[in-house]
Amino acid sequence: MIALEIGDTITVKINGQTASKRTRNRVKENGPTFVVTKIDSVSLFPHIGQHVNAVLVSSTTTNWTGWFPAEEIVVSRTAA
């Protein structure tokens, strides 16, 4: 994934090799353009300590905000 900063406007495509159905649906319903809100490691299964690198984004076309696991998306920076 490219280096991202909070406030970047990005175009998101799904990673066909790793994207979950949830990620595919969110990009289709709310994308493909998003604004980066936060970059972090989030807990998928806190009881076993499994974390994943993820990016919190807000859609530029709908009112949706949510996390995308970094390994499930392909990102390019959108010209401002």
C-alpha atoms as a PDB file:
ATOM      1  CA  MET A   1       0.000   0.000   0.000  1.00  0.00           C
ATOM      2  CA  ILE A   2       1.236   3.526  -0.713  1.00  0.00           C
ATOM      3  CA  ALA A   3       2.116   5.801   2.196  1.00  0.00           C
ATOM      4  CA  LEU A   4      -1.038   7.551   3.320  1.00  0.00           C
ATOM      5  CA  GLU A   5      -1.664  10.592   5.471  1.00  0.00           C
ATOM      6  CA  ILE A   6      -4.806  11.685   7.279  1.00  0.00           C
ATOM      7  CA  GLY A   7      -6.837  13.900   4.954  1.00  0.00           C
ATOM      8  CA  ASP A   8      -5.622  12.249   1.738  1.00  0.00           C
ATOM      9  CA  THR A   9      -8.315  11.674  -0.880  1.00  0.00           C
ATOM     10  CA  ILE A  10      -7.846   8.193  -2.299  1.00  0.00           C
ATOM     11  CA  THR A  11      -9.358   5.909  -4.890  1.00  0.00           C
ATOM     12  CA  VAL A  12      -9.926   2.374  -3.602  1.00  0.00           C
ATOM     13  CA  LYS A  13     -10.114  -0.811  -5.639  1.00  0.00           C
ATOM     14  CA  ILE A  14     -10.572  -4.239  -4.150  1.00  0.00           C
ATOM     15  CA  ASN A  15      -7.664  -6.650  -3.981  1.00  0.00           C
ATOM     16  CA  GLY A  16      -9.162  -9.572  -5.873  1.00  0.00           C
ATOM     17  CA  GLN A  17      -6.874 -12.030  -4.089  1.00  0.00           C
ATOM     18  CA  THR A  18      -7.744 -11.114  -0.485  1.00  0.00           C
ATOM     19  CA  ALA A  19     -10.855  -8.906  -0.348  1.00  0.00           C
ATOM     20  CA  SER A  20     -13.733 -10.134   1.784  1.00  0.00           C
ATOM     21  CA  LYS A  21     -17.332  -9.898   0.614  1.00  0.00           C
ATOM     22  CA  ARG A  22     -17.850  -7.102   3.148  1.00  0.00           C
ATOM     23  CA  THR A  23     -15.010  -5.012   1.669  1.00  0.00           C
ATOM     24  CA  ARG A  24     -16.194  -5.672  -1.889  1.00  0.00           C
ATOM     25  CA  ASN A  25     -19.703  -4.494  -0.990  1.00  0.00           C
ATOM     26  CA  ARG A  26     -18.534  -1.345   0.869  1.00  0.00           C
ATOM     27  CA  VAL A  27     -16.366  -0.196  -2.042  1.00  0.00           C
ATOM     28  CA  LYS A  28     -19.171  -0.910  -4.525  1.00  0.00           C
ATOM     29  CA  GLU A  29     -21.839   0.846  -2.405  1.00  0.00           C
ATOM     30  CA  ASN A  30     -19.810   3.834  -1.162  1.00  0.00           C
ATOM     31  CA  GLY A  31     -16.772   4.303  -3.380  1.00  0.00           C
ATOM     32  CA  PRO A  32     -14.511   4.344  -5.066  1.00  0.00           C
ATOM     33  CA  THR A  33     -13.328   7.705  -3.643  1.00  0.00           C
ATOM     34  CA  PHE A  34     -12.695   8.114   0.084  1.00  0.00           C
ATOM     35  CA  VAL A  35     -10.911  10.465   2.500  1.00  0.00           C
ATOM     36  CA  VAL A  36      -8.416   8.932   4.955  1.00  0.00           C
ATOM     37  CA  THR A  37      -9.511   9.559   8.549  1.00  0.00           C
ATOM     38  CA  LYS A  38      -7.148   7.299  10.510  1.00  0.00           C
ATOM     39  CA  ILE A  39      -4.475   4.659   9.926  1.00  0.00           C
ATOM     40  CA  ASP A  40      -4.059   2.034  12.637  1.00  0.00           C
ATOM     41  CA  SER A  41      -3.885  -1.571  13.671  1.00  0.00           C
ATOM     42  CA  VAL A  42      -7.339  -2.825  14.657  1.00  0.00           C
ATOM     43  CA  SER A  43      -8.368  -5.927  16.565  1.00  0.00           C
ATOM     44  CA  LEU A  44     -10.288  -8.522  14.599  1.00  0.00           C
ATOM     45  CA  PHE A  45     -10.401 -11.061  17.400  1.00  0.00           C
ATOM     46  CA  PRO A  46      -9.321  -9.324  20.639  1.00  0.00           C
ATOM     47  CA  HIS A  47      -9.645 -12.483  22.718  1.00  0.00           C
ATOM     48  CA  ILE A  48      -6.802 -14.091  20.744  1.00  0.00           C
ATOM     49  CA  GLY A  49      -4.898 -10.873  20.055  1.00  0.00           C
ATOM     50  CA  GLN A  50      -5.235 -10.893  16.261  1.00  0.00           C
ATOM     51  CA  HIS A  51      -4.671  -7.446  14.743  1.00  0.00           C
ATOM     52  CA  VAL A  52      -4.659  -6.194  11.162  1.00  0.00           C
ATOM     53  CA  ASN A  53      -3.357  -2.977   9.611  1.00  0.00           C
ATOM     54  CA  ALA A  54      -6.331  -0.952   8.477  1.00  0.00           C
ATOM     55  CA  VAL A  55      -7.391   2.455   7.259  1.00  0.00           C
ATOM     56  CA  LEU A  56     -10.468   4.337   8.457  1.00  0.00           C
ATOM     57  CA  VAL A  57     -12.079   6.205   5.585  1.00  0.00           C
ATOM     58  CA  SER A  58     -15.079   8.411   4.869  1.00  0.00           C
ATOM     59  CA  SER A  59     -16.874   8.158   1.550  1.00  0.00           C
ATOM     60  CA  THR A  60     -16.951  11.267  -0.624  1.00  0.00           C
ATOM     61  CA  THR A  61     -20.295  10.223  -2.157  1.00  0.00           C
ATOM     62  CA  THR A  62     -22.299   8.770   0.764  1.00  0.00           C
ATOM     63  CA  ASN A  63     -22.469   9.232   4.522  1.00  0.00           C
ATOM     64  CA  TRP A  64     -20.495   6.011   5.190  1.00  0.00           C
ATOM     65  CA  THR A  65     -17.369   5.862   7.377  1.00  0.00           C
ATOM     66  CA  GLY A  66     -15.611   2.592   8.113  1.00  0.00           C
ATOM     67  CA  TRP A  67     -12.450   0.507   8.248  1.00  0.00           C
ATOM     68  CA  PHE A  68     -10.812  -1.279   5.339  1.00  0.00           C
ATOM     69  CA  PRO A  69      -8.175  -3.918   6.136  1.00  0.00           C
ATOM     70  CA  ALA A  70      -5.045  -2.803   4.261  1.00  0.00           C
ATOM     71  CA  GLU A  71      -4.478  -6.207   2.668  1.00  0.00           C
ATOM     72  CA  GLU A  72      -7.965  -6.183   1.112  1.00  0.00           C
ATOM     73  CA  ILE A  73      -7.652  -2.972  -0.913  1.00  0.00           C
ATOM     74  CA  VAL A  74      -5.503  -1.376  -3.609  1.00  0.00           C
ATOM     75  CA  VAL A  75      -5.089   2.374  -3.114  1.00  0.00           C
ATOM     76  CA  SER A  76      -4.131   5.228  -5.394  1.00  0.00           C
ATOM     77  CA  ARG A  77      -3.986   8.868  -4.441  1.00  0.00           C
ATOM     78  CA  THR A  78      -6.613  11.071  -6.098  1.00  0.00           C
ATOM     79  CA  ALA A  79      -5.526  14.431  -7.454  1.00  0.00           C
ATOM     80  CA  ALA A  80      -6.978  17.289  -5.446  1.00  0.00           C
END
